[in-house]
Protein backbone atom coordinates (compact mmCIF):
# COMPACT_ATOMS: atom_id res chain seq x y z
CA UNK A 1 27.74 -128.13 -58.22
CA UNK A 2 30.64 -130.29 -59.33
CA UNK A 3 33.45 -129.58 -56.81
CA UNK A 4 36.20 -131.16 -58.86
CA UNK A 5 38.40 -128.59 -60.54
CA UNK A 6 39.16 -128.93 -64.23
CA UNK A 7 40.58 -127.03 -67.15
CA UNK A 8 38.14 -125.25 -69.42
CA UNK A 9 38.28 -123.01 -72.48
CA UNK A 10 36.12 -119.94 -73.11
CA UNK A 11 35.50 -118.52 -76.56
CA UNK A 12 36.20 -114.90 -75.64
CA UNK A 13 35.18 -111.92 -77.74
CA UNK A 14 35.48 -109.38 -74.93
CA UNK A 15 31.74 -108.67 -75.04
CA UNK A 16 29.43 -108.86 -72.05
CA UNK A 17 28.39 -112.50 -72.50
CA UNK A 18 31.88 -113.94 -72.83
CA UNK A 19 32.96 -111.72 -69.92
CA UNK A 20 30.08 -113.12 -67.86
CA UNK A 21 31.28 -116.64 -68.65
CA UNK A 22 34.73 -115.76 -67.40
CA UNK A 23 33.29 -114.26 -64.22
CA UNK A 24 31.18 -117.38 -63.60
CA UNK A 25 34.21 -119.62 -64.05
CA UNK A 26 36.47 -117.46 -61.88
CA UNK A 27 34.01 -117.21 -58.98
CA UNK A 28 32.56 -120.76 -59.22
CA UNK A 29 29.10 -119.18 -59.14
CA UNK A 30 27.33 -121.40 -61.65
CA UNK A 31 25.61 -124.72 -60.97
CA UNK A 32 26.40 -125.99 -64.47
CA UNK A 33 30.05 -124.95 -64.82
CA UNK A 34 32.64 -127.05 -62.93
CA UNK A 35 35.09 -125.34 -60.63
CA UNK A 36 37.95 -124.11 -62.75
CA UNK A 37 41.56 -125.19 -62.30
CA UNK A 38 42.81 -123.29 -65.35
CA UNK A 39 40.80 -121.09 -67.70
CA UNK A 40 42.02 -120.97 -71.28
CA UNK A 41 40.72 -117.74 -72.84
CA UNK A 42 40.59 -118.29 -76.59
CA UNK A 43 40.26 -115.14 -78.66
CA UNK A 44 39.87 -115.96 -82.33
CA UNK A 45 41.33 -113.88 -85.14
CA UNK A 46 39.33 -114.06 -88.37
CA UNK A 47 41.40 -111.48 -90.25
CA UNK A 48 38.48 -109.07 -90.55
CA UNK A 49 38.54 -107.22 -87.21
CA UNK A 50 39.89 -103.93 -85.94
CA UNK A 51 40.99 -102.68 -82.49
CA UNK A 52 42.99 -105.75 -81.48
CA UNK A 53 43.82 -104.40 -78.02
CA UNK A 54 40.21 -104.28 -76.77
CA UNK A 55 39.59 -107.92 -75.66
CA UNK A 56 42.94 -108.37 -73.94
CA UNK A 57 42.52 -105.08 -72.06
CA UNK A 58 38.97 -106.00 -70.99
CA UNK A 59 40.16 -109.39 -69.72
CA UNK A 60 43.11 -107.92 -67.82
CA UNK A 61 40.86 -105.48 -65.97
CA UNK A 62 38.26 -108.16 -65.20
CA UNK A 63 40.87 -110.60 -63.92
CA UNK A 64 42.28 -108.08 -61.44
CA UNK A 65 38.79 -107.11 -60.19
CA UNK A 66 37.71 -110.73 -59.74
CA UNK A 67 40.93 -111.91 -58.11
CA UNK A 68 40.64 -109.14 -55.52
CA UNK A 69 37.25 -110.49 -54.47
CA UNK A 70 38.23 -114.13 -54.00
CA UNK A 71 38.95 -115.25 -50.40
CA UNK A 72 42.45 -116.63 -50.92
CA UNK A 73 45.09 -117.24 -53.56
CA UNK A 74 44.15 -120.92 -53.57
CA UNK A 75 40.70 -119.99 -54.87
CA UNK A 76 42.06 -118.20 -57.94
CA UNK A 77 42.08 -120.28 -61.13
CA UNK A 78 44.98 -119.69 -63.48
CA UNK A 79 44.05 -117.69 -66.58
CA UNK A 80 45.77 -118.13 -69.93
CA UNK A 81 44.91 -115.72 -72.75
CA UNK A 82 45.62 -116.83 -76.33
CA UNK A 83 44.91 -115.33 -79.72
CA UNK A 84 44.33 -118.11 -82.25
CA UNK A 85 44.27 -117.35 -85.97
CA UNK A 86 41.49 -119.04 -87.92
CA UNK A 87 41.45 -116.61 -90.86
CA UNK A 88 42.56 -119.16 -93.45
CA UNK A 89 39.87 -121.57 -92.25
CA UNK A 90 37.26 -118.79 -92.41
CA UNK A 91 38.26 -118.09 -95.99
CA UNK A 92 37.90 -121.74 -96.91
CA UNK A 93 34.49 -122.04 -95.27
CA UNK A 94 32.99 -119.04 -97.05
CA UNK A 95 35.01 -116.11 -98.38
CA UNK A 96 37.04 -117.94 -101.03
CA UNK A 97 33.97 -119.42 -102.71
CA UNK A 98 30.95 -117.38 -101.64
CA UNK A 99 29.85 -116.90 -105.27
CA UNK A 100 29.52 -120.68 -105.53
CA UNK A 101 28.17 -121.24 -102.03
CA UNK A 102 25.36 -118.70 -101.81
CA UNK A 103 23.26 -120.23 -104.63
CA UNK A 104 23.60 -123.64 -102.96
CA UNK A 105 22.07 -122.34 -99.74
CA UNK A 106 19.07 -120.34 -100.92
CA UNK A 107 21.21 -117.26 -101.66
CA UNK A 108 21.55 -116.55 -97.94
CA UNK A 109 24.36 -114.69 -96.25
CA UNK A 110 25.99 -117.29 -93.99
CA UNK A 111 29.28 -115.48 -93.43
CA UNK A 112 28.89 -115.40 -89.63
CA UNK A 113 27.91 -119.07 -89.50
CA UNK A 114 31.10 -119.92 -91.41
CA UNK A 115 33.19 -117.72 -89.13
CA UNK A 116 31.82 -119.29 -85.94
CA UNK A 117 32.24 -122.79 -87.37
CA UNK A 118 35.88 -122.00 -88.01
CA UNK A 119 36.25 -120.68 -84.46
CA UNK A 120 34.82 -123.85 -82.97
CA UNK A 121 37.04 -126.02 -85.14
CA UNK A 122 40.12 -124.09 -84.04
CA UNK A 123 39.01 -124.37 -80.41
CA UNK A 124 38.56 -128.14 -80.70
CA UNK A 125 42.06 -128.54 -82.12
CA UNK A 126 43.48 -126.47 -79.27
CA UNK A 127 41.53 -128.32 -76.59
CA UNK A 128 42.41 -131.80 -77.84
CA UNK A 129 46.07 -130.84 -78.19
CA UNK A 130 46.18 -129.33 -74.68
CA UNK A 131 43.93 -131.82 -72.84
CA UNK A 132 41.17 -129.32 -72.14
CA UNK A 133 37.85 -131.21 -71.83
CA UNK A 134 35.35 -128.33 -71.89
CA UNK A 135 34.58 -125.39 -74.19
CA UNK A 136 32.21 -122.66 -73.01
CA UNK A 137 30.53 -120.31 -75.51
CA UNK A 138 28.48 -117.28 -74.48
CA UNK A 139 25.56 -117.73 -76.86
CA UNK A 140 22.25 -116.48 -75.48
CA UNK A 141 18.63 -116.79 -76.52
CA UNK A 142 18.33 -113.01 -76.55
CA UNK A 143 20.67 -113.01 -79.55
CA UNK A 144 19.11 -115.90 -81.47
CA UNK A 145 18.53 -113.51 -84.38
CA UNK A 146 22.21 -114.20 -85.13
CA UNK A 147 22.25 -117.36 -87.28
CA UNK A 148 25.20 -118.78 -85.37
CA UNK A 149 23.35 -118.50 -82.04
CA UNK A 150 20.50 -120.82 -83.00
CA UNK A 151 19.82 -124.33 -81.70
CA UNK A 152 20.62 -125.91 -85.07
CA UNK A 153 24.11 -124.42 -85.01
CA UNK A 154 24.74 -125.12 -81.34
CA UNK A 155 23.61 -128.73 -81.66
CA UNK A 156 25.89 -129.22 -84.64
CA UNK A 157 29.07 -127.85 -83.04
CA UNK A 158 28.30 -129.70 -79.81
CA UNK A 159 28.12 -132.97 -81.72
CA UNK A 160 31.30 -132.10 -83.61
CA UNK A 161 33.28 -131.45 -80.45
CA UNK A 162 31.87 -134.56 -78.83
CA UNK A 163 33.34 -136.61 -81.67
CA UNK A 164 36.76 -135.50 -80.44
CA UNK A 165 36.09 -136.08 -76.74
CA UNK A 166 35.46 -132.42 -75.92
CA UNK A 167 32.22 -131.05 -74.43
CA UNK A 168 30.90 -127.75 -75.77
CA UNK A 169 28.45 -126.00 -73.45
CA UNK A 170 26.32 -122.86 -73.67
CA UNK A 171 25.62 -122.02 -70.00
CA UNK A 172 24.12 -118.57 -70.64
CA UNK A 173 21.58 -119.51 -73.28
CA UNK A 174 18.48 -119.65 -71.09
CA UNK A 175 19.62 -118.01 -67.84
CA UNK A 176 20.97 -114.80 -69.40
CA UNK A 177 17.90 -114.29 -71.56
CA UNK A 178 17.92 -110.49 -71.41
CA UNK A 179 20.42 -107.66 -71.30
CA UNK A 180 19.19 -106.78 -67.81
CA UNK A 181 20.39 -110.12 -66.43
CA UNK A 182 23.84 -109.72 -67.97
CA UNK A 183 24.21 -106.16 -66.72
CA UNK A 184 23.04 -106.99 -63.22
CA UNK A 185 25.45 -109.91 -62.89
CA UNK A 186 28.47 -108.01 -64.23
CA UNK A 187 27.82 -104.80 -62.35
CA UNK A 188 27.24 -106.71 -59.11
CA UNK A 189 30.85 -107.90 -59.44
CA UNK A 190 32.13 -104.44 -60.36
CA UNK A 191 32.77 -105.43 -63.96
CA UNK A 192 32.09 -103.40 -67.14
CA UNK A 193 28.68 -104.25 -68.57
CA UNK A 194 28.52 -102.29 -71.83
CA UNK A 195 30.57 -101.99 -75.02
CA UNK A 196 34.26 -101.43 -75.45
CA UNK A 197 35.59 -104.94 -75.06
CA UNK A 198 35.11 -106.42 -78.51
CA UNK A 199 37.04 -106.08 -81.73
CA UNK A 200 34.94 -104.53 -84.46
CA UNK A 201 34.38 -107.11 -87.20
CA UNK A 202 33.64 -105.96 -90.73
CA UNK A 203 30.81 -108.48 -91.00
CA UNK A 204 29.13 -108.04 -87.60
CA UNK A 205 26.26 -105.87 -88.87
CA UNK A 206 25.60 -107.62 -92.18
CA UNK A 207 21.98 -108.48 -92.88
CA UNK A 208 20.92 -112.08 -93.21
CA UNK A 209 17.48 -113.65 -93.61
CA UNK A 210 18.82 -117.19 -93.26
CA UNK A 211 16.39 -119.64 -91.70
CA UNK A 212 17.33 -122.67 -89.61
CA UNK A 213 16.86 -124.93 -92.62
CA UNK A 214 19.37 -122.83 -94.61
CA UNK A 215 21.87 -122.99 -91.74
CA UNK A 216 21.31 -126.74 -91.42
CA UNK A 217 21.91 -127.28 -95.13
CA UNK A 218 25.20 -125.42 -94.95
CA UNK A 219 26.30 -127.35 -91.88
CA UNK A 220 25.38 -130.67 -93.50
CA UNK A 221 27.95 -129.88 -96.20
CA UNK A 222 30.66 -128.20 -94.13
CA UNK A 223 30.74 -130.12 -90.85
CA UNK A 224 32.01 -133.35 -92.47
CA UNK A 225 34.76 -131.30 -94.16
CA UNK A 226 35.63 -129.63 -90.86
CA UNK A 227 35.71 -133.00 -89.11
CA UNK A 228 38.18 -134.32 -91.68
CA UNK A 229 40.21 -131.12 -91.37
CA UNK A 230 40.46 -131.48 -87.59
CA UNK A 231 41.43 -135.14 -87.88
CA UNK A 232 44.19 -134.31 -90.33
CA UNK A 233 45.48 -131.42 -88.22
CA UNK A 234 45.59 -133.57 -85.10
CA UNK A 235 47.42 -136.28 -87.02
CA UNK A 236 49.94 -133.73 -88.37
CA UNK A 237 48.82 -134.50 -91.93
CA UNK A 238 49.34 -130.92 -93.04
CA UNK A 239 48.96 -131.40 -96.77
CA UNK A 240 45.74 -133.38 -96.39
CA UNK A 241 44.33 -130.68 -94.09
CA UNK A 242 45.20 -127.92 -96.57
CA UNK A 243 43.52 -129.75 -99.43
CA UNK A 244 40.16 -129.80 -97.60
CA UNK A 245 39.70 -126.08 -98.28
CA UNK A 246 41.70 -125.13 -101.40
CA UNK A 247 42.02 -121.45 -102.15
CA UNK A 248 39.28 -120.08 -104.38
CA UNK A 249 41.60 -118.27 -106.77
CA UNK A 250 43.77 -120.73 -108.66
CA UNK A 251 46.72 -119.95 -110.87
CA UNK A 252 45.92 -119.93 -114.57
């Protein structure tokens, strides 16, 4: 295990997998996650979710439980919880122009792929701006039926973040390959292991039959746009960034 402490960010939904990531980082109990100096909990707002208090409440309870189990105050990493709005980016990646986009990508529903791509872009901007070298995402093989938790998507966002000097890692993907593993790990630490921690997104149960080739085709088009968007945002070129994803409805 790498003993050097470092800052890291966790994409945090409040669900069991993102909570497990937080527990691993807090307790230094993973061989592939460095010891944490400060944990930046990034909760993304896509504009389409309800019950905003759930993730913050779940994190607050987990933090208190985990801190009580650590040997000394020196062993407790600092935790910073932030809500970052990526709703406008989500709209530009899909919602504004879905009537145009769906026919281009085999008429597949890629709304969740677009949402997660926006989340990763927002996380990269945050991490570069705040000198955070590592992003952890709680994707798991057991949920690979979600198009955004497939190797083609993970490889793409990993490469994107690498272009900006940030590492994106998916520590749970193979190890937490069943719900039983997640539940055992969380309950062994006295943490909640079932629902109640996530916002309820309007799109979370939508059906999609997208294949990896459909996802890859979408990413081939959108990742270069996202890369330009991130570059412009980091360079404070606000107008240029806005023009990457113009609103779908224009004034007549």
